[in-house]
Amino acid sequence: MTLTRPTAGVPDARGPVRRPGAGRAVAVLVLVALAALIPLLGPSAVLHGTGEAAAPGVGGIALLRAVLFAALCVPVGELFVNRLARSLPGAPVDTPRSWSPYTAVAGFVAALGLASVVSTGNLVPHSLAQVDVGGLYESRDGKLALLEVNAFLAAALCARSRRPALQLWPAAAVIAAEALRAHPPAEHGPLLGSVLTLIHLTCATLWAGGLLHALRTLRRWGPAEAGAALLGLYARVAAVLLAVITATGVWSSLRRMPPAAILDQLTTTAYGRTLIAKVLLVAVVAVLALWARIRLRRAADPLTACSPARAEIVALGMVVVMSGLLTALPLPIRWW
């Protein structure tokens, strides 16, 4: 006797026709729309009643920064999970098609948009004539913005080459540039802040990008034993990444607020409010990760852990968008 899976769209005696594919597509579209609205509507919501003034085009800048972060996650995650897969004995050689060439282009466009804003003195240009490319070489932020543009261009070329692993170096350059950009020399302890951001962003890209590619790999492999082994191996590394992300994120964020006024600034500043929202999202992600880990260990079918893992990747996407918004908001005033 041969067991067959019912064909989608064909009714049976148990009930009407069900089209799970259409429902998932609609859910994905809704989540993408919500993710796009967070940076566009978020500034006005979190700035309400704070007395702070948002920079021009803060919503668009937050969206571009979120795209840039997402474009970093994909190639780093692919290289990370492919390396884990190669360490598994008997794992299928087949891997999903790389998204890196496309995300590198998206990152290049986002970095180009952010560089154009930097070239006009952090004002949104309304025409190409207002963009001063030469002026980018005259400031620290301008040079970092150019470095990110060139790094994403190099990453796109590496992704299309015979050695796609080389794109790890341009990705590392972007992460380093972001760490330096986030902590200018005038800041208190810029070196420590840059190191914390470097570690935080590296672990975050490994976590989010790795989970995305792990789920794509499991879908490609099907119900193979190596799939559960890969997910378990990723989960062990992700637990360490989560601990490092939490420690560096909390430390880096609290450094921006005076110790005596932390609780007040968490609720009365746009940065503090967004930070609370991000922490809550990360807490949701942590719960989903724990749920997936429990299923992976105790369920009769370890691959049922994919359900909470899919929800986790959606929540991680929202965290990435929230991070983009956080970088575009005014920092709390700190008196030294």
Foldseek 3Di string as FASTA:
>chain_A
DDDDDDDQPDDDPVDHGDDVVVVVVVVVVVLVVVLLVCLVVVVVVLAPQQPDDFQAPLSVQLNLQLLLLLLLLALLQQVVLVVLQVVDPPRDPDFDDGPNLVSLVSNLVSLVQVLQCVQQVNHRDPDPVSRDLVSLVVDLLSVLSVLSNVLSVVLNVLCPDPHNVVNVVSSLSNQLSVLDVLQDPVHDPSVVSSVLSSLLSSLLSNQLNNLVRLLRRCVVRDLDPSSLVSVLVSLVVNVVSLVSNVVSVVVNQCSLADPVCLVVCLRSHSLNVLSVVLVVLSVLLVVLSVVLNCLSPPPPRNVVSVVSSVVSSSSSSSSSSSVSSNSRGDGDDDDD
